[in-house]
Amino acid sequence: MKLLVTGADGHLGTAVRRVIESDSGLTGVFSNSPRSKEAGVDVTDAAAVNGFIQKHKPDAVIHLPAVLGSACDVDPRAAEAVNVDSVDVLCAAALRGGVRRIVLPSTAAVYGTDYDRPVGEHFPTKPGSLYARQKLAAESILRHYARPRMQTSALRLFNVFGKTLTSSLVSKLLRSTARRPVELLGLDTFTRDYVHANDAAKALIAAATISTNEDYSLYNIGRGLATTNRQLVASLAQFADVHYVLGESRWSYSCADIRRASALLGYYPKKGLADALL
């Protein structure tokens, strides 16, 4: 099976590429990758994307380019071009090119952080940031293009960490020093679900390769384990001296119910915070 991975030079793209290259049953085409013989493709350029897909004729596409988090607020229009418009460009080109599946990483941020229990895909969304709103818009585009001959999937990733994810709280704490501590918003009131990049990559690939009866599919991808900042600091202390200061403490909770992904994708995360350096 041939998979096209756009944004393959990004932090998550590195993990996806590594998994694909280790599977003899998959052939990867990696766009925007320094290791690719291809020059890559501007995902906001409809003609370029259409030509790239017509040339390589992938069976499925994993679309990874994104402007993340607060970076969206710096230039909202540029962020929308990547986070929203490029999804429409890709889906239109994929439909013309006979692509069977489109997979997009979305974000747990669409749920907000006011819940007190793991959230399922049916929970109401409460996007509190421009990034989350743009990802919801991208999910809507996937639903619009979904049909039996081109299935689409959105995977709402929770807090992805790993060696290549330098912007994650896990990485920031591991790099912290006494002179440059990390600000934490409470030890027991701030809770997240940390999923290793390798597990997230395998989930994306599973969504691109496993047959489903659904034209459009939505999955939560985390570990399903709620981890407070206090627990996070204690887990990482085995690797490094962790330095932090406490900011304003507030309730903030985000954890995934992953039962749907386990049942339909065979998704069972293997790595935890003990693998933070991998």
C-alpha atoms as a PDB file:
ATOM      1  CA  MET A   1       0.000   0.000   0.000  1.00  0.00           C
ATOM      2  CA  LYS A   2       1.317   3.422  -0.935  1.00  0.00           C
ATOM      3  CA  LEU A   3       0.948   6.222   1.620  1.00  0.00           C
ATOM      4  CA  LEU A   4       1.586   9.873   0.892  1.00  0.00           C
ATOM      5  CA  VAL A   5       2.610  11.799   4.004  1.00  0.00           C
ATOM      6  CA  THR A   6       2.465  15.564   3.677  1.00  0.00           C
ATOM      7  CA  GLY A   7       4.440  17.570   6.213  1.00  0.00           C
ATOM      8  CA  ALA A   8       6.760  14.617   6.715  1.00  0.00           C
ATOM      9  CA  ASP A   9       9.582  16.864   7.938  1.00  0.00           C
ATOM     10  CA  GLY A  10       7.603  17.958  11.018  1.00  0.00           C
ATOM     11  CA  HIS A  11       7.956  16.586  14.529  1.00  0.00           C
ATOM     12  CA  LEU A  12       5.064  14.136  14.187  1.00  0.00           C
ATOM     13  CA  GLY A  13       5.928  13.477  10.553  1.00  0.00           C
ATOM     14  CA  THR A  14       9.314  12.156  11.623  1.00  0.00           C
ATOM     15  CA  ALA A  15       7.617   9.524  13.779  1.00  0.00           C
ATOM     16  CA  VAL A  16       5.143   8.605  11.025  1.00  0.00           C
ATOM     17  CA  ARG A  17       7.923   8.244   8.466  1.00  0.00           C
ATOM     18  CA  ARG A  18       9.935   6.023  10.825  1.00  0.00           C
ATOM     19  CA  VAL A  19       6.997   3.639  11.336  1.00  0.00           C
ATOM     20  CA  ILE A  20       6.214   3.437   7.617  1.00  0.00           C
ATOM     21  CA  GLU A  21       9.828   2.739   6.710  1.00  0.00           C
ATOM     22  CA  SER A  22       9.925  -0.142   9.202  1.00  0.00           C
ATOM     23  CA  ASP A  23       6.897  -1.851   7.604  1.00  0.00           C
ATOM     24  CA  SER A  24       7.704  -3.859   4.483  1.00  0.00           C
ATOM     25  CA  GLY A  25       4.043  -3.836   3.494  1.00  0.00           C
ATOM     26  CA  LEU A  26       3.939  -0.054   3.126  1.00  0.00           C
ATOM     27  CA  THR A  27       5.473   2.271   0.562  1.00  0.00           C
ATOM     28  CA  GLY A  28       5.909   5.850   1.681  1.00  0.00           C
ATOM     29  CA  VAL A  29       6.000   9.035  -0.361  1.00  0.00           C
ATOM     30  CA  PHE A  30       7.182  11.807   1.940  1.00  0.00           C
ATOM     31  CA  SER A  31       6.414  15.349   0.894  1.00  0.00           C
ATOM     32  CA  ASN A  32       8.343  18.274   2.422  1.00  0.00           C
ATOM     33  CA  SER A  33      10.926  15.930   3.860  1.00  0.00           C
ATOM     34  CA  PRO A  34      14.646  16.671   3.748  1.00  0.00           C
ATOM     35  CA  ARG A  35      15.220  12.948   3.258  1.00  0.00           C
ATOM     36  CA  SER A  36      12.937  12.780   0.226  1.00  0.00           C
ATOM     37  CA  LYS A  37      14.196  12.974  -3.327  1.00  0.00           C
ATOM     38  CA  GLU A  38      11.133  15.074  -4.018  1.00  0.00           C
ATOM     39  CA  ALA A  39      11.274  18.819  -3.526  1.00  0.00           C
ATOM     40  CA  GLY A  40       7.980  18.608  -1.681  1.00  0.00           C
ATOM     41  CA  VAL A  41       4.728  20.390  -2.435  1.00  0.00           C
ATOM     42  CA  ASP A  42       3.082  23.590  -1.264  1.00  0.00           C
ATOM     43  CA  VAL A  43      -0.072  22.195   0.346  1.00  0.00           C
ATOM     44  CA  THR A  44      -1.929  25.487  -0.195  1.00  0.00           C
ATOM     45  CA  ASP A  45      -1.297  25.393  -3.976  1.00  0.00           C
ATOM     46  CA  ALA A  46      -4.158  23.489  -5.604  1.00  0.00           C
ATOM     47  CA  ALA A  47      -2.355  22.924  -8.911  1.00  0.00           C
ATOM     48  CA  ALA A  48       0.789  21.678  -7.193  1.00  0.00           C
ATOM     49  CA  VAL A  49      -1.103  19.308  -4.896  1.00  0.00           C
ATOM     50  CA  ASN A  50      -3.173  17.960  -7.767  1.00  0.00           C
ATOM     51  CA  GLY A  51      -0.053  17.353  -9.836  1.00  0.00           C
ATOM     52  CA  PHE A  52       1.741  15.657  -6.945  1.00  0.00           C
ATOM     53  CA  ILE A  53      -1.134  13.254  -6.359  1.00  0.00           C
ATOM     54  CA  GLN A  54      -1.549  12.524 -10.060  1.00  0.00           C
ATOM     55  CA  LYS A  55       2.168  11.752 -10.284  1.00  0.00           C
ATOM     56  CA  HIS A  56       2.443   9.451  -7.257  1.00  0.00           C
ATOM     57  CA  LYS A  57      -1.077   7.965  -7.184  1.00  0.00           C
ATOM     58  CA  PRO A  58      -1.119   7.112  -3.466  1.00  0.00           C
ATOM     59  CA  ASP A  59      -3.732   4.811  -1.976  1.00  0.00           C
ATOM     60  CA  ALA A  60      -4.056   7.036   1.093  1.00  0.00           C
ATOM     61  CA  VAL A  61      -2.821  10.374   2.378  1.00  0.00           C
ATOM     62  CA  ILE A  62      -1.850  11.372   5.918  1.00  0.00           C
ATOM     63  CA  HIS A  63      -1.993  15.168   5.974  1.00  0.00           C
ATOM     64  CA  LEU A  64       0.224  16.572   8.726  1.00  0.00           C
ATOM     65  CA  PRO A  65       1.080  20.245   7.988  1.00  0.00           C
ATOM     66  CA  ALA A  66      -0.212  22.531  10.732  1.00  0.00           C
ATOM     67  CA  VAL A  67       0.338  25.833  12.459  1.00  0.00           C
ATOM     68  CA  LEU A  68       0.068  24.870  16.112  1.00  0.00           C
ATOM     69  CA  GLY A  69      -1.335  26.422  19.253  1.00  0.00           C
ATOM     70  CA  SER A  70      -0.745  30.086  19.977  1.00  0.00           C
ATOM     71  CA  ALA A  71       1.251  30.466  16.740  1.00  0.00           C
ATOM     72  CA  CYS A  72      -2.146  30.728  15.011  1.00  0.00           C
ATOM     73  CA  ASP A  73      -2.767  34.041  16.757  1.00  0.00           C
ATOM     74  CA  VAL A  74       0.378  35.610  15.270  1.00  0.00           C
ATOM     75  CA  ASP A  75      -0.960  35.441  11.714  1.00  0.00           C
ATOM     76  CA  PRO A  76      -4.494  33.991  11.714  1.00  0.00           C
ATOM     77  CA  ARG A  77      -4.901  34.100   7.937  1.00  0.00           C
ATOM     78  CA  ALA A  78      -1.647  32.284   7.284  1.00  0.00           C
ATOM     79  CA  ALA A  79      -2.617  29.701   9.906  1.00  0.00           C
ATOM     80  CA  GLU A  80      -6.031  29.225   8.291  1.00  0.00           C
ATOM     81  CA  ALA A  81      -4.384  28.655   4.913  1.00  0.00           C
ATOM     82  CA  VAL A  82      -2.452  25.708   6.343  1.00  0.00           C
ATOM     83  CA  ASN A  83      -4.862  24.365   8.964  1.00  0.00           C
ATOM     84  CA  VAL A  84      -8.100  24.720   6.989  1.00  0.00           C
ATOM     85  CA  ASP A  85      -7.680  25.690   3.337  1.00  0.00           C
ATOM     86  CA  SER A  86      -5.019  23.072   2.600  1.00  0.00           C
ATOM     87  CA  VAL A  87      -7.380  20.331   3.794  1.00  0.00           C
ATOM     88  CA  ASP A  88      -9.950  21.420   1.208  1.00  0.00           C
ATOM     89  CA  VAL A  89      -7.240  21.595  -1.478  1.00  0.00           C
ATOM     90  CA  LEU A  90      -5.978  18.124  -0.608  1.00  0.00           C
ATOM     91  CA  CYS A  91      -9.411  16.487  -0.425  1.00  0.00           C
ATOM     92  CA  ALA A  92     -10.448  17.899  -3.812  1.00  0.00           C
ATOM     93  CA  ALA A  93      -7.223  16.683  -5.423  1.00  0.00           C
ATOM     94  CA  ALA A  94      -7.472  13.294  -3.717  1.00  0.00           C
ATOM     95  CA  LEU A  95     -11.031  12.785  -4.921  1.00  0.00           C
ATOM     96  CA  ARG A  96      -9.957  13.508  -8.499  1.00  0.00           C
ATOM     97  CA  GLY A  97      -6.903  11.304  -8.118  1.00  0.00           C
ATOM     98  CA  GLY A  98      -8.667   8.187  -6.876  1.00  0.00           C
ATOM     99  CA  VAL A  99      -7.215   8.263  -3.356  1.00  0.00           C
ATOM    100  CA  ARG A 100      -9.092   5.847  -1.111  1.00  0.00           C
ATOM    101  CA  ARG A 101      -8.460   7.414   2.299  1.00  0.00           C
ATOM    102  CA  ILE A 102      -7.549  10.777   3.811  1.00  0.00           C
ATOM    103  CA  VAL A 103      -6.330  10.986   7.426  1.00  0.00           C
ATOM    104  CA  LEU A 104      -5.908  14.219   9.377  1.00  0.00           C
ATOM    105  CA  PRO A 105      -4.573  14.726  12.899  1.00  0.00           C
ATOM    106  CA  SER A 106      -6.923  16.985  14.826  1.00  0.00           C
ATOM    107  CA  THR A 107      -6.580  18.024  18.458  1.00  0.00           C
ATOM    108  CA  ALA A 108      -7.996  17.348  21.911  1.00  0.00           C
ATOM    109  CA  ALA A 109      -8.204  21.127  22.279  1.00  0.00           C
ATOM    110  CA  VAL A 110     -11.577  21.006  20.510  1.00  0.00           C
ATOM    111  CA  TYR A 111     -13.074  19.594  23.734  1.00  0.00           C
ATOM    112  CA  GLY A 112     -11.756  22.369  25.952  1.00  0.00           C
ATOM    113  CA  THR A 113     -10.379  21.592  29.415  1.00  0.00           C
ATOM    114  CA  ASP A 114     -13.429  21.853  31.692  1.00  0.00           C
ATOM    115  CA  TYR A 115     -14.364  18.176  31.885  1.00  0.00           C
ATOM    116  CA  ASP A 116     -13.646  15.994  34.913  1.00  0.00           C
ATOM    117  CA  ARG A 117     -13.584  12.599  33.177  1.00  0.00           C
ATOM    118  CA  PRO A 118     -12.189  11.096  29.961  1.00  0.00           C
ATOM    119  CA  VAL A 119     -14.024  12.454  26.925  1.00  0.00           C
ATOM    120  CA  GLY A 120     -15.550  10.350  24.172  1.00  0.00           C
ATOM    121  CA  GLU A 121     -15.904  11.389  20.564  1.00  0.00           C
ATOM    122  CA  HIS A 122     -19.594  12.160  21.179  1.00  0.00           C
ATOM    123  CA  PHE A 123     -18.851  14.769  23.879  1.00  0.00           C
ATOM    124  CA  PRO A 124     -19.723  18.395  23.039  1.00  0.00           C
ATOM    125  CA  THR A 125     -16.815  20.448  21.729  1.00  0.00           C
ATOM    126  CA  LYS A 126     -15.767  23.614  23.551  1.00  0.00           C
ATOM    127  CA  PRO A 127     -12.893  25.093  21.516  1.00  0.00           C
ATOM    128  CA  GLY A 128     -11.194  27.840  23.473  1.00  0.00           C
ATOM    129  CA  SER A 129      -8.531  28.832  20.955  1.00  0.00           C
ATOM    130  CA  LEU A 130      -8.207  29.815  17.320  1.00  0.00           C
ATOM    131  CA  TYR A 131      -6.184  26.644  16.708  1.00  0.00           C
ATOM    132  CA  ALA A 132      -8.997  24.451  18.045  1.00  0.00           C
ATOM    133  CA  ARG A 133     -11.602  26.292  15.976  1.00  0.00           C
ATOM    134  CA  GLN A 134      -9.525  25.867  12.843  1.00  0.00           C
ATOM    135  CA  LYS A 135      -9.136  22.155  13.475  1.00  0.00           C
ATOM    136  CA  LEU A 136     -12.901  21.813  13.904  1.00  0.00           C
ATOM    137  CA  ALA A 137     -13.319  23.576  10.563  1.00  0.00           C
ATOM    138  CA  ALA A 138     -10.878  21.089   9.003  1.00  0.00           C
ATOM    139  CA  GLU A 139     -12.863  18.189  10.439  1.00  0.00           C
ATOM    140  CA  SER A 140     -15.984  19.645   8.815  1.00  0.00           C
ATOM    141  CA  ILE A 141     -14.219  19.652   5.447  1.00  0.00           C
ATOM    142  CA  LEU A 142     -13.333  15.977   5.878  1.00  0.00           C
ATOM    143  CA  ARG A 143     -16.981  15.159   6.580  1.00  0.00           C
ATOM    144  CA  HIS A 144     -18.020  17.077   3.468  1.00  0.00           C
ATOM    145  CA  TYR A 145     -15.740  15.060   1.184  1.00  0.00           C
ATOM    146  CA  ALA A 146     -16.347  11.665   2.802  1.00  0.00           C
ATOM    147  CA  ARG A 147     -17.964   9.020   0.614  1.00  0.00           C
ATOM    148  CA  PRO A 148     -17.670   5.264   0.080  1.00  0.00           C
ATOM    149  CA  ARG A 149     -14.935   5.603  -2.522  1.00  0.00           C
ATOM    150  CA  MET A 150     -12.906   8.086  -0.467  1.00  0.00           C
ATOM    151  CA  GLN A 151     -13.150   7.618   3.277  1.00  0.00           C
ATOM    152  CA  THR A 152     -11.870  10.329   5.594  1.00  0.00           C
ATOM    153  CA  SER A 153     -10.748  10.225   9.223  1.00  0.00           C
ATOM    154  CA  ALA A 154      -9.875  12.790  11.865  1.00  0.00           C
ATOM    155  CA  LEU A 155      -7.800  11.719  14.862  1.00  0.00           C
ATOM    156  CA  ARG A 156      -8.061  14.009  17.871  1.00  0.00           C
ATOM    157  CA  LEU A 157      -4.596  13.734  19.355  1.00  0.00           C
ATOM    158  CA  PHE A 158      -4.122  14.466  23.016  1.00  0.00           C
ATOM    159  CA  ASN A 159      -0.750  15.635  24.426  1.00  0.00           C
ATOM    160  CA  VAL A 160       1.824  14.080  22.125  1.00  0.00           C
ATOM    161  CA  PHE A 161       5.361  13.766  23.479  1.00  0.00           C
ATOM    162  CA  GLY A 162       8.621  12.147  22.466  1.00  0.00           C
ATOM    163  CA  LYS A 163      12.180  12.972  21.503  1.00  0.00           C
ATOM    164  CA  THR A 164      11.174  14.923  18.403  1.00  0.00           C
ATOM    165  CA  LEU A 165       8.324  16.831  20.084  1.00  0.00           C
ATOM    166  CA  THR A 166      10.445  19.627  21.501  1.00  0.00           C
ATOM    167  CA  SER A 167       7.494  21.924  22.219  1.00  0.00           C
ATOM    168  CA  SER A 168       5.674  19.438  24.466  1.00  0.00           C
ATOM    169  CA  LEU A 169       5.503  20.071  28.210  1.00  0.00           C
ATOM    170  CA  VAL A 170       7.377  16.811  28.720  1.00  0.00           C
ATOM    171  CA  SER A 171      10.335  18.022  26.631  1.00  0.00           C
ATOM    172  CA  LYS A 172      10.274  21.460  28.222  1.00  0.00           C
ATOM    173  CA  LEU A 173      10.503  19.954  31.707  1.00  0.00           C
ATOM    174  CA  LEU A 174      13.345  17.655  30.665  1.00  0.00           C
ATOM    175  CA  ARG A 175      15.267  20.690  29.334  1.00  0.00           C
ATOM    176  CA  SER A 176      14.490  22.892  32.327  1.00  0.00           C
ATOM    177  CA  THR A 177      17.251  24.364  34.471  1.00  0.00           C
ATOM    178  CA  ALA A 178      17.386  26.241  37.738  1.00  0.00           C
ATOM    179  CA  ARG A 179      17.803  29.435  35.719  1.00  0.00           C
ATOM    180  CA  ARG A 180      15.095  28.498  33.241  1.00  0.00           C
ATOM    181  CA  PRO A 181      12.322  26.710  35.111  1.00  0.00           C
ATOM    182  CA  VAL A 182       9.014  25.803  33.497  1.00  0.00           C
ATOM    183  CA  GLU A 183       5.847  27.459  34.766  1.00  0.00           C
ATOM    184  CA  LEU A 184       3.201  24.951  35.826  1.00  0.00           C
ATOM    185  CA  LEU A 185      -0.409  25.955  36.386  1.00  0.00           C
ATOM    186  CA  GLY A 186      -0.931  23.889  39.496  1.00  0.00           C
ATOM    187  CA  LEU A 187       0.306  20.461  40.555  1.00  0.00           C
ATOM    188  CA  ASP A 188      -2.964  18.673  41.294  1.00  0.00           C
ATOM    189  CA  THR A 189      -5.486  20.739  39.322  1.00  0.00           C
ATOM    190  CA  PHE A 190      -3.792  20.545  35.893  1.00  0.00           C
ATOM    191  CA  THR A 191      -4.291  17.149  34.229  1.00  0.00           C
ATOM    192  CA  ARG A 192      -3.373  15.896  30.780  1.00  0.00           C
ATOM    193  CA  ASP A 193      -3.269  12.657  28.781  1.00  0.00           C
ATOM    194  CA  TYR A 194       0.248  12.078  27.393  1.00  0.00           C
ATOM    195  CA  VAL A 195       0.615   9.901  24.292  1.00  0.00           C
ATOM    196  CA  HIS A 196       3.969   9.007  22.763  1.00  0.00           C
ATOM    197  CA  ALA A 197       4.610  10.134  19.180  1.00  0.00           C
ATOM    198  CA  ASN A 198       5.261   6.534  18.110  1.00  0.00           C
ATOM    199  CA  ASP A 199       1.802   5.451  19.289  1.00  0.00           C
ATOM    200  CA  ALA A 200       0.182   8.493  17.663  1.00  0.00           C
ATOM    201  CA  ALA A 201       1.994   7.683  14.402  1.00  0.00           C
ATOM    202  CA  LYS A 202       0.779   4.077  14.459  1.00  0.00           C
ATOM    203  CA  ALA A 203      -2.787   5.274  15.013  1.00  0.00           C
ATOM    204  CA  LEU A 204      -2.569   7.593  11.995  1.00  0.00           C
ATOM    205  CA  ILE A 205      -1.222   4.801   9.828  1.00  0.00           C
ATOM    206  CA  ALA A 206      -3.898   2.396  11.062  1.00  0.00           C
ATOM    207  CA  ALA A 207      -6.602   4.889  10.098  1.00  0.00           C
ATOM    208  CA  ALA A 208      -5.057   5.095   6.618  1.00  0.00           C
ATOM    209  CA  THR A 209      -4.788   1.339   6.090  1.00  0.00           C
ATOM    210  CA  ILE A 210      -7.652  -0.373   7.948  1.00  0.00           C
ATOM    211  CA  SER A 211     -10.976  -0.782   6.165  1.00  0.00           C
ATOM    212  CA  THR A 212     -14.097   0.618   7.832  1.00  0.00           C
ATOM    213  CA  ASN A 213     -17.795   0.782   7.085  1.00  0.00           C
ATOM    214  CA  GLU A 214     -17.826   4.497   7.899  1.00  0.00           C
ATOM    215  CA  ASP A 215     -17.361   7.142   5.233  1.00  0.00           C
ATOM    216  CA  TYR A 216     -16.149   9.582   7.911  1.00  0.00           C
ATOM    217  CA  SER A 217     -14.478   8.412  11.114  1.00  0.00           C
ATOM    218  CA  LEU A 218     -13.491  10.269  14.264  1.00  0.00           C
ATOM    219  CA  TYR A 219     -11.129   8.885  16.895  1.00  0.00           C
ATOM    220  CA  ASN A 220      -9.594  10.035  20.170  1.00  0.00           C
ATOM    221  CA  ILE A 221      -5.892   9.173  20.410  1.00  0.00           C
ATOM    222  CA  GLY A 222      -4.279   9.320  23.842  1.00  0.00           C
ATOM    223  CA  ARG A 223      -3.246   6.813  26.480  1.00  0.00           C
ATOM    224  CA  GLY A 224      -6.516   7.119  28.340  1.00  0.00           C
ATOM    225  CA  LEU A 225      -4.533   7.927  31.467  1.00  0.00           C
ATOM    226  CA  ALA A 226      -5.127  11.182  33.334  1.00  0.00           C
ATOM    227  CA  THR A 227      -1.797  12.530  34.620  1.00  0.00           C
ATOM    228  CA  THR A 228      -1.545  15.507  36.954  1.00  0.00           C
ATOM    229  CA  ASN A 229       1.435  17.837  36.890  1.00  0.00           C
ATOM    230  CA  ARG A 230       2.543  16.367  40.185  1.00  0.00           C
ATOM    231  CA  GLN A 231       2.566  12.876  38.672  1.00  0.00           C
ATOM    232  CA  LEU A 232       4.281  14.158  35.528  1.00  0.00           C
ATOM    233  CA  VAL A 233       7.104  15.809  37.467  1.00  0.00           C
ATOM    234  CA  ALA A 234       7.601  12.669  39.571  1.00  0.00           C
ATOM    235  CA  SER A 235       7.765  10.470  36.457  1.00  0.00           C
ATOM    236  CA  LEU A 236      10.305  12.675  34.694  1.00  0.00           C
ATOM    237  CA  ALA A 237      12.520  13.057  37.756  1.00  0.00           C
ATOM    238  CA  GLN A 238      14.052   9.662  36.924  1.00  0.00           C
ATOM    239  CA  PHE A 239      15.594  11.187  33.787  1.00  0.00           C
ATOM    240  CA  ALA A 240      16.604  14.693  34.834  1.00  0.00           C
ATOM    241  CA  ASP A 241      16.471  17.325  37.522  1.00  0.00           C
ATOM    242  CA  VAL A 242      13.139  18.954  36.777  1.00  0.00           C
ATOM    243  CA  HIS A 243      12.855  22.642  37.568  1.00  0.00           C
ATOM    244  CA  TYR A 244       9.541  24.447  37.699  1.00  0.00           C
ATOM    245  CA  VAL A 245       7.722  27.352  39.280  1.00  0.00           C
ATOM    246  CA  LEU A 246       4.033  27.435  40.062  1.00  0.00           C
ATOM    247  CA  GLY A 247       1.842  29.931  38.289  1.00  0.00           C
ATOM    248  CA  GLU A 248      -1.808  30.603  38.965  1.00  0.00           C
ATOM    249  CA  SER A 249      -3.443  27.294  39.848  1.00  0.00           C
ATOM    250  CA  ARG A 250      -6.674  26.546  37.979  1.00  0.00           C
ATOM    251  CA  TRP A 251      -8.756  23.530  37.039  1.00  0.00           C
ATOM    252  CA  SER A 252      -7.701  22.203  33.650  1.00  0.00           C
ATOM    253  CA  TYR A 253      -8.469  18.625  32.635  1.00  0.00           C
ATOM    254  CA  SER A 254      -8.000  16.785  29.355  1.00  0.00           C
ATOM    255  CA  CYS A 255      -8.030  13.002  29.003  1.00  0.00           C
ATOM    256  CA  ALA A 256      -9.160  10.666  26.229  1.00  0.00           C
ATOM    257  CA  ASP A 257     -11.619   7.830  26.197  1.00  0.00           C
ATOM    258  CA  ILE A 258      -9.835   5.632  23.644  1.00  0.00           C
ATOM    259  CA  ARG A 259     -12.255   2.711  23.520  1.00  0.00           C
ATOM    260  CA  ARG A 260     -13.495   3.566  20.031  1.00  0.00           C
ATOM    261  CA  ALA A 261      -9.965   3.698  18.585  1.00  0.00           C
ATOM    262  CA  SER A 262      -9.096   0.440  20.325  1.00  0.00           C
ATOM    263  CA  ALA A 263     -12.166  -1.319  18.946  1.00  0.00           C
ATOM    264  CA  LEU A 264     -12.012  -0.030  15.369  1.00  0.00           C
ATOM    265  CA  LEU A 265      -8.317   0.639  14.780  1.00  0.00           C
ATOM    266  CA  GLY A 266      -6.792  -1.961  17.064  1.00  0.00           C
ATOM    267  CA  TYR A 267      -5.152   0.969  18.854  1.00  0.00           C
ATOM    268  CA  TYR A 268      -3.437   0.030  22.116  1.00  0.00           C
ATOM    269  CA  PRO A 269      -0.719   2.510  23.147  1.00  0.00           C
ATOM    270  CA  LYS A 270       2.514   0.793  24.124  1.00  0.00           C
ATOM    271  CA  LYS A 271       4.718   3.632  25.371  1.00  0.00           C
ATOM    272  CA  GLY A 272       4.445   5.825  28.437  1.00  0.00           C
ATOM    273  CA  LEU A 273       6.390   8.531  30.227  1.00  0.00           C
ATOM    274  CA  ALA A 274       9.132   5.985  30.921  1.00  0.00           C
ATOM    275  CA  ASP A 275       9.876   6.321  27.175  1.00  0.00           C
ATOM    276  CA  ALA A 276      10.126  10.109  27.274  1.00  0.00           C
ATOM    277  CA  LEU A 277      13.643  10.138  25.822  1.00  0.00           C
ATOM    278  CA  LEU A 278      12.717   7.951  22.819  1.00  0.00           C
END
